[in-house]
Amino acid sequence: MTTQTPAGWYPDPYGEPQLRWWDGSQWTDATHAQEQRPGQPQQPASGPQPQPQAPGPGQPPGQAPGQPSAQTGPNWASTPANPTLQYGQPTFGQSAYGRPAPPTQQWGGAQLPGPGYGPPPKQGNPLPWVFGGLAALVVVALIVVAGIFFINSGGSNPVAAPTPSETFESEEPPPSSRPSPSQAPSQLPQPADGRITDAASGLSFAVPEDWEVPAPERLNGPDPTEQAWSSGVQATSQENYEGESDWIGNVYTGVLNELYPYSGASGLGDTAKAVFVDFSSKYYAIAHESKVVQDKAMKVGDRDAWVLQFELDFTKVSEEKGYKWKKENGAIVLMDRGEGERPAILYVSVPDNLGTDVVGQVLGSLKSS
């Protein structure tokens, strides 16, 4: 049988004046400075095995001075398990044929390190730190982009917008008259005394001059992921602006679709921003520049609300293609309807050829019904 050399620090087999770690099966890259006994001159290390020396008087060839003669026996291995052994010579801590060597044996006169050195430290894997750092950079970049988008990125001189009053008159009808907001109505409310009152959302607004209530099928589609409107009026800005459809101005109200996140009155502002980003991609496919004019809390009657007013600039494309409008003013208003209820939404968007003061008039007339 053979005896495997135990893991530990041994003189460097490559001839350097240092110790190298043997892991029990092979040499590693871990090294340690070799300490010398006090008063003992430094000698170069020769590795785990001593170099052959000339035999002394009465000594057999191939045997180091001071070592007993190796005894042969049946079935003993001719070479030790340590791969650094040469010609059957014992490695450190082991005599020939795998028998343990006396613990006081040393090589090259140097003191081997004691247990205090311990095995070499294991190097950690840096990949988790690298991936964690990249993820943090991505999050920071997204936050910066979102902040730039919502801090008036459209220029240093924003267009002055009409400011709605902070408190509006309340007109509260009996709760029993309100239809369920779970689906789009088959009929839309008609103007009464120049106002539209949406019982489903609880909002009421003044109808702009010459604007009309459209047919329900023109206001809502069959897709449940689209925002459903329970009231609305609109006007045409340009017929067949691309040869197949009209560009319109609109004032719509309804109960906010459940697909938009809403955590209560304290989250009205965040939800308004999410709706604005979604509407911008769905309803304004023509290339344009956008600017947020105001983004703040307000009151509709005695209810908490939020207004996000914006301006869209289509001037470049409009001049190239001959559109009748160049800019469009709009606003999104969300009104809290109480605990456990989805907020009401008013969405108004008016091309400039239909009037530049329409948005301000609608917001100024807004009431809770």
Protein backbone atom coordinates (compact mmCIF):
# COMPACT_ATOMS: atom_id res chain seq x y z
CA MET A 1 0.00 0.00 0.00
CA THR A 2 1.02 3.64 -0.35
CA THR A 3 0.55 6.50 2.08
CA GLN A 4 -0.64 9.88 0.71
CA THR A 5 1.39 12.88 1.88
CA PRO A 6 -0.91 15.06 4.04
CA ALA A 7 -1.76 18.63 2.98
CA GLY A 8 0.55 21.29 4.42
CA TRP A 9 3.34 23.81 3.88
CA TYR A 10 6.55 22.36 2.43
CA PRO A 11 9.77 23.78 0.99
CA ASP A 12 9.23 24.99 -2.57
CA PRO A 13 10.09 22.12 -4.98
CA TYR A 14 10.96 24.69 -7.65
CA GLY A 15 14.03 25.90 -5.77
CA GLU A 16 12.68 29.24 -4.47
CA PRO A 17 13.57 30.21 -0.83
CA GLN A 18 9.95 29.90 0.33
CA LEU A 19 7.29 27.42 1.37
CA ARG A 20 4.59 26.16 -1.01
CA TRP A 21 1.20 24.60 -0.13
CA TRP A 22 0.69 20.90 -0.91
CA ASP A 23 -3.10 20.17 -0.98
CA GLY A 24 -2.69 16.43 -0.55
CA SER A 25 -2.60 15.65 -4.26
CA GLN A 26 -0.71 18.44 -6.01
CA TRP A 27 1.28 21.66 -5.53
CA THR A 28 -0.74 24.90 -5.50
CA ASP A 29 0.13 28.56 -6.28
CA ALA A 30 -0.02 29.52 -2.58
CA THR A 31 3.41 30.38 -1.13
CA HIS A 32 4.74 31.64 2.20
CA ALA A 33 8.06 33.14 3.26
CA GLN A 34 10.32 30.55 4.85
CA GLU A 35 11.38 31.44 8.37
CA GLN A 36 14.86 30.59 9.65
CA ARG A 37 15.85 29.36 13.05
CA PRO A 38 17.52 31.97 15.19
CA GLY A 39 21.23 32.01 14.51
CA GLN A 40 20.95 29.60 11.62
CA PRO A 41 22.21 30.72 8.19
CA GLN A 42 19.63 30.80 5.41
CA GLN A 43 19.77 27.97 2.92
CA PRO A 44 17.84 27.62 -0.30
CA ALA A 45 14.88 25.28 -0.02
CA SER A 46 14.99 22.14 -2.04
CA GLY A 47 11.29 21.14 -1.97
CA PRO A 48 9.67 18.30 -0.14
CA GLN A 49 12.54 15.96 -0.93
CA PRO A 50 16.28 16.42 -0.23
CA GLN A 51 18.73 16.26 -3.07
CA PRO A 52 20.87 13.16 -3.18
CA GLN A 53 24.15 13.58 -1.29
CA ALA A 54 27.37 11.71 -1.52
CA PRO A 55 27.36 8.72 0.81
CA GLY A 56 29.50 8.99 3.90
CA PRO A 57 31.71 6.37 5.31
CA GLY A 58 29.80 3.19 5.90
CA GLN A 59 26.62 4.66 4.37
CA PRO A 60 24.71 2.97 1.52
CA PRO A 61 24.44 4.99 -1.74
CA GLY A 62 21.26 7.00 -2.13
CA GLN A 63 20.74 7.36 1.66
CA ALA A 64 20.77 10.83 3.26
CA PRO A 65 23.10 11.33 6.24
CA GLY A 66 21.52 10.49 9.56
CA GLN A 67 18.75 8.38 8.04
CA PRO A 68 18.35 4.67 8.71
CA SER A 69 18.67 2.22 5.91
CA ALA A 70 15.41 1.57 4.10
CA GLN A 71 14.09 -1.90 4.71
CA THR A 72 12.41 -3.69 1.90
CA GLY A 73 9.41 -5.81 2.49
CA PRO A 74 6.98 -7.77 0.49
CA ASN A 75 4.13 -5.94 -1.30
CA TRP A 76 5.49 -2.45 -0.38
CA ALA A 77 5.21 0.23 -3.08
CA SER A 78 8.48 1.15 -4.73
CA THR A 79 7.50 4.88 -4.94
CA PRO A 80 5.51 7.04 -2.49
CA ALA A 81 2.15 8.61 -3.39
CA ASN A 82 3.61 12.14 -3.47
CA PRO A 83 4.25 12.95 -7.17
CA THR A 84 7.26 15.12 -6.25
CA LEU A 85 9.29 12.18 -5.01
CA GLN A 86 12.30 11.22 -7.04
CA TYR A 87 13.65 7.70 -7.35
CA GLY A 88 11.85 6.41 -4.26
CA GLN A 89 13.09 9.11 -1.88
CA PRO A 90 10.64 10.05 0.88
CA THR A 91 8.75 13.33 0.88
CA PHE A 92 8.53 15.56 3.92
CA GLY A 93 6.75 13.86 6.83
CA GLN A 94 7.00 10.40 5.29
CA SER A 95 9.75 7.83 5.12
CA ALA A 96 10.34 5.32 2.37
CA TYR A 97 7.58 2.85 1.56
CA GLY A 98 4.89 5.06 3.13
CA ARG A 99 6.02 4.64 6.80
CA PRO A 100 5.69 7.80 8.95
CA ALA A 101 8.90 9.72 9.48
CA PRO A 102 10.00 11.09 12.83
CA PRO A 103 8.34 14.45 13.52
CA THR A 104 11.67 16.22 14.07
CA GLN A 105 12.95 15.66 10.53
CA GLN A 106 13.57 18.89 8.52
CA TRP A 107 14.82 19.70 5.07
CA GLY A 108 17.63 22.09 4.27
CA GLY A 109 17.92 23.13 7.92
CA ALA A 110 14.86 25.43 7.72
CA GLN A 111 12.12 25.39 10.37
CA LEU A 112 8.77 24.41 8.80
CA PRO A 113 5.76 26.48 9.81
CA GLY A 114 3.64 25.26 12.67
CA PRO A 115 -0.15 24.90 12.76
CA GLY A 116 -0.55 28.68 13.16
CA TYR A 117 -0.11 29.26 9.44
CA GLY A 118 -3.15 27.24 8.45
CA PRO A 119 -4.13 26.50 4.85
CA PRO A 120 -3.98 29.29 2.27
CA PRO A 121 -7.09 31.54 2.13
CA LYS A 122 -9.67 30.73 -0.53
CA GLN A 123 -10.35 33.41 -3.07
CA GLY A 124 -13.96 34.54 -3.35
CA ASN A 125 -15.87 34.60 -6.63
CA PRO A 126 -16.11 38.25 -7.88
CA LEU A 127 -18.98 37.60 -10.32
CA PRO A 128 -21.84 38.29 -7.82
CA TRP A 129 -20.28 41.69 -7.06
CA VAL A 130 -19.93 42.50 -10.76
CA PHE A 131 -23.55 41.57 -11.56
CA GLY A 132 -24.82 43.43 -8.47
CA GLY A 133 -22.97 46.58 -9.55
CA LEU A 134 -24.41 46.41 -13.08
CA ALA A 135 -27.96 45.97 -11.72
CA ALA A 136 -27.52 49.02 -9.46
CA LEU A 137 -26.34 51.13 -12.44
CA VAL A 138 -29.41 50.10 -14.48
CA VAL A 139 -31.79 51.10 -11.64
CA VAL A 140 -30.06 54.49 -11.22
CA ALA A 141 -30.24 55.13 -14.99
CA LEU A 142 -34.00 54.39 -15.07
CA ILE A 143 -34.64 56.75 -12.14
CA VAL A 144 -32.65 59.55 -13.82
CA VAL A 145 -34.49 59.13 -17.16
CA ALA A 146 -37.91 59.18 -15.44
CA GLY A 147 -36.96 62.31 -13.48
CA ILE A 148 -35.81 64.15 -16.61
CA PHE A 149 -39.01 63.23 -18.46
CA PHE A 150 -41.32 64.66 -15.82
CA ILE A 151 -39.35 67.85 -15.01
CA ASN A 152 -40.51 70.03 -17.89
CA SER A 153 -38.13 68.81 -20.57
CA GLY A 154 -39.73 70.86 -23.30
CA GLY A 155 -37.75 74.11 -23.00
CA SER A 156 -37.05 77.02 -20.72
CA ASN A 157 -40.20 79.02 -21.54
CA PRO A 158 -43.26 76.80 -21.08
CA VAL A 159 -46.54 77.97 -22.54
CA ALA A 160 -48.72 79.62 -19.93
CA ALA A 161 -51.71 77.42 -19.14
CA PRO A 162 -54.96 78.34 -17.46
CA THR A 163 -54.95 77.35 -13.82
CA PRO A 164 -58.11 75.66 -12.52
CA SER A 165 -59.41 76.80 -9.18
CA GLU A 166 -58.38 74.61 -6.27
CA THR A 167 -61.97 74.02 -5.07
CA PHE A 168 -65.06 73.39 -7.14
CA GLU A 169 -68.75 73.39 -6.31
CA SER A 170 -70.13 69.99 -5.38
CA GLU A 171 -73.32 68.60 -6.95
CA GLU A 172 -73.90 65.22 -5.28
CA PRO A 173 -76.83 63.15 -6.67
CA PRO A 174 -78.43 60.25 -4.77
CA PRO A 175 -76.06 57.22 -4.79
CA SER A 176 -78.81 54.94 -6.08
CA SER A 177 -78.83 56.75 -9.44
CA ARG A 178 -75.25 55.74 -10.27
CA PRO A 179 -74.82 52.86 -12.79
CA SER A 180 -72.15 50.21 -12.30
CA PRO A 181 -68.79 51.21 -13.85
CA SER A 182 -67.84 47.61 -14.69
CA GLN A 183 -68.66 48.02 -18.40
CA ALA A 184 -69.06 50.76 -20.99
CA PRO A 185 -72.62 52.13 -21.15
CA SER A 186 -74.83 51.56 -24.17
CA GLN A 187 -75.94 55.21 -24.04
CA LEU A 188 -73.90 58.29 -23.21
CA PRO A 189 -75.28 61.18 -21.11
CA GLN A 190 -76.45 64.19 -23.09
CA PRO A 191 -75.79 67.84 -22.19
CA ALA A 192 -78.18 69.50 -19.74
CA ASP A 193 -77.89 73.25 -19.23
CA GLY A 194 -74.61 73.13 -21.12
CA ARG A 195 -73.07 70.49 -18.88
CA ILE A 196 -72.34 66.76 -19.06
CA THR A 197 -72.93 64.88 -15.80
CA ASP A 198 -71.33 61.42 -15.65
CA ALA A 199 -73.05 59.45 -12.90
CA ALA A 200 -70.65 56.51 -13.25
CA SER A 201 -67.49 58.49 -12.47
CA GLY A 202 -69.05 61.25 -10.37
CA LEU A 203 -67.64 64.02 -12.60
CA SER A 204 -69.41 66.94 -14.29
CA PHE A 205 -68.00 69.46 -16.78
CA ALA A 206 -69.11 72.28 -19.12
CA VAL A 207 -69.39 71.31 -22.79
CA PRO A 208 -67.18 73.43 -25.11
CA GLU A 209 -69.11 75.40 -27.72
CA ASP A 210 -70.16 73.38 -30.79
CA TRP A 211 -68.77 70.13 -29.39
CA GLU A 212 -71.05 67.06 -29.62
CA VAL A 213 -71.64 63.74 -27.89
CA PRO A 214 -70.43 60.92 -30.23
CA ALA A 215 -72.09 57.56 -30.75
CA PRO A 216 -71.09 55.07 -27.98
CA GLU A 217 -69.39 52.73 -30.48
CA ARG A 218 -67.09 55.55 -31.57
CA LEU A 219 -66.04 56.18 -27.99
CA ASN A 220 -65.44 52.62 -26.75
CA GLY A 221 -64.14 49.46 -28.34
CA PRO A 222 -64.45 45.78 -27.37
CA ASP A 223 -60.92 45.50 -25.93
CA PRO A 224 -61.18 45.22 -22.09
CA THR A 225 -57.58 46.44 -21.69
CA GLU A 226 -58.54 49.83 -23.17
CA GLN A 227 -59.85 52.60 -20.94
CA ALA A 228 -63.69 52.65 -21.08
CA TRP A 229 -65.43 56.03 -21.13
CA SER A 230 -68.86 56.60 -19.62
CA SER A 231 -69.32 60.12 -21.02
CA GLY A 232 -67.70 62.35 -23.62
CA VAL A 233 -67.87 65.09 -26.21
CA GLN A 234 -65.62 65.72 -29.19
CA ALA A 235 -64.95 67.94 -32.22
CA THR A 236 -63.11 67.32 -35.50
CA SER A 237 -59.78 69.06 -36.01
CA GLN A 238 -59.11 67.64 -39.51
CA GLU A 239 -61.04 65.09 -41.55
CA ASN A 240 -59.08 62.31 -43.25
CA TYR A 241 -55.80 63.82 -42.15
CA GLU A 242 -53.97 60.79 -43.57
CA GLY A 243 -56.63 59.79 -46.08
CA GLU A 244 -58.53 57.40 -43.82
CA SER A 245 -59.28 58.83 -40.36
CA ASP A 246 -60.09 62.07 -38.57
CA TRP A 247 -57.96 63.95 -36.04
CA ILE A 248 -60.22 65.08 -33.20
CA GLY A 249 -60.35 66.97 -29.95
CA ASN A 250 -62.00 65.23 -26.99
CA VAL A 251 -63.27 65.54 -23.42
CA TYR A 252 -63.91 62.09 -21.90
CA THR A 253 -64.71 60.86 -18.38
CA GLY A 254 -64.95 57.42 -16.77
CA VAL A 255 -63.76 55.15 -14.00
CA LEU A 256 -60.05 54.30 -14.31
CA ASN A 257 -59.31 50.88 -15.78
CA GLU A 258 -58.07 48.36 -13.19
CA LEU A 259 -54.92 47.71 -15.21
CA TYR A 260 -53.48 51.02 -14.00
CA PRO A 261 -51.88 50.86 -10.53
CA TYR A 262 -53.67 52.78 -7.77
CA SER A 263 -52.85 52.74 -4.04
CA GLY A 264 -55.28 55.43 -2.82
CA ALA A 265 -55.41 59.21 -2.64
CA SER A 266 -51.72 59.43 -1.73
CA GLY A 267 -50.81 57.73 -5.03
CA LEU A 268 -52.88 59.91 -7.38
CA GLY A 269 -49.80 61.64 -8.79
CA ASP A 270 -47.95 58.43 -9.63
CA THR A 271 -51.04 56.96 -11.30
CA ALA A 272 -51.58 60.13 -13.36
CA LYS A 273 -48.02 59.87 -14.70
CA ALA A 274 -48.52 56.21 -15.62
CA VAL A 275 -51.73 57.05 -17.51
CA PHE A 276 -50.01 59.94 -19.34
CA VAL A 277 -47.15 57.73 -20.52
CA ASP A 278 -49.61 55.07 -21.74
CA PHE A 279 -51.91 57.54 -23.54
CA SER A 280 -48.92 59.24 -25.19
CA SER A 281 -47.93 55.99 -26.90
CA LYS A 282 -51.50 54.92 -27.81
CA TYR A 283 -53.16 58.11 -29.01
CA TYR A 284 -50.31 60.23 -30.44
CA ALA A 285 -48.46 58.09 -32.98
CA ILE A 286 -47.34 61.11 -35.02
CA ALA A 287 -43.82 62.31 -34.15
CA HIS A 288 -43.95 65.13 -31.62
CA GLU A 289 -42.28 66.76 -28.64
CA SER A 290 -44.03 66.76 -25.27
CA LYS A 291 -43.85 69.04 -22.26
CA VAL A 292 -45.55 68.81 -18.86
CA VAL A 293 -47.06 72.19 -18.03
CA GLN A 294 -48.34 71.40 -14.53
CA ASP A 295 -48.36 68.31 -12.34
CA LYS A 296 -49.95 68.90 -8.93
CA ALA A 297 -52.63 68.04 -6.39
CA MET A 298 -56.02 69.77 -6.51
CA LYS A 299 -59.59 69.42 -5.23
CA VAL A 300 -62.77 68.58 -7.13
CA GLY A 301 -65.53 69.52 -4.74
CA ASP A 302 -64.44 68.03 -1.43
CA ARG A 303 -62.54 65.17 -3.03
CA ASP A 304 -58.77 64.78 -3.45
CA ALA A 305 -57.64 64.96 -7.07
CA TRP A 306 -54.55 65.37 -9.25
CA VAL A 307 -54.05 67.25 -12.53
CA LEU A 308 -51.27 66.58 -15.07
CA GLN A 309 -51.46 69.15 -17.87
CA PHE A 310 -49.30 68.78 -20.99
CA GLU A 311 -48.47 70.30 -24.37
CA LEU A 312 -47.63 68.34 -27.53
CA ASP A 313 -45.76 69.99 -30.42
CA PHE A 314 -46.38 68.54 -33.92
CA THR A 315 -45.03 71.59 -35.79
CA LYS A 316 -42.29 69.85 -37.78
CA VAL A 317 -44.49 67.04 -39.13
CA SER A 318 -47.48 69.36 -39.55
CA GLU A 319 -45.54 71.72 -41.82
CA GLU A 320 -44.15 68.83 -43.87
CA LYS A 321 -47.55 67.16 -44.41
CA GLY A 322 -49.86 70.17 -44.32
CA TYR A 323 -51.85 69.29 -41.19
CA LYS A 324 -54.29 71.92 -39.92
CA TRP A 325 -52.97 71.84 -36.38
CA LYS A 326 -49.45 72.29 -35.04
CA LYS A 327 -49.80 71.89 -31.27
CA GLU A 328 -52.18 70.21 -28.87
CA ASN A 329 -52.96 71.02 -25.24
CA GLY A 330 -54.32 68.39 -22.90
CA ALA A 331 -54.81 67.30 -19.31
CA ILE A 332 -55.44 64.19 -17.24
CA VAL A 333 -57.37 64.62 -13.97
CA LEU A 334 -57.77 61.79 -11.46
CA MET A 335 -60.26 62.12 -8.59
CA ASP A 336 -60.30 59.80 -5.57
CA ARG A 337 -63.74 58.21 -5.03
CA GLY A 338 -63.20 56.80 -1.56
CA GLU A 339 -61.72 53.71 0.02
CA GLY A 340 -61.95 50.57 -2.11
CA GLU A 341 -63.08 52.50 -5.23
CA ARG A 342 -61.17 53.12 -8.44
CA PRO A 343 -60.54 56.84 -9.13
CA ALA A 344 -62.49 58.83 -11.69
CA ILE A 345 -60.60 60.09 -14.74
CA LEU A 346 -61.12 63.10 -17.02
CA TYR A 347 -59.07 63.15 -20.23
CA VAL A 348 -59.13 66.29 -22.37
CA SER A 349 -57.01 66.87 -25.48
CA VAL A 350 -57.54 69.82 -27.84
CA PRO A 351 -55.63 70.66 -31.09
CA ASP A 352 -54.79 74.35 -31.35
CA ASN A 353 -57.05 74.92 -34.37
CA LEU A 354 -60.05 74.11 -32.11
CA GLY A 355 -59.03 76.76 -29.57
CA THR A 356 -56.14 77.27 -27.19
CA ASP A 357 -58.30 78.03 -24.14
CA VAL A 358 -60.63 75.01 -24.24
CA VAL A 359 -58.57 72.94 -21.77
CA GLY A 360 -58.61 75.77 -19.22
CA GLN A 361 -62.38 76.20 -19.60
CA VAL A 362 -63.05 72.49 -19.03
CA LEU A 363 -60.77 72.27 -15.99
CA GLY A 364 -62.29 75.43 -14.53
CA SER A 365 -65.81 74.02 -14.87
CA LEU A 366 -65.03 70.62 -13.33
CA LYS A 367 -67.27 69.49 -10.45
CA SER A 368 -67.98 66.31 -8.52
CA SER A 369 -71.53 65.14 -9.24
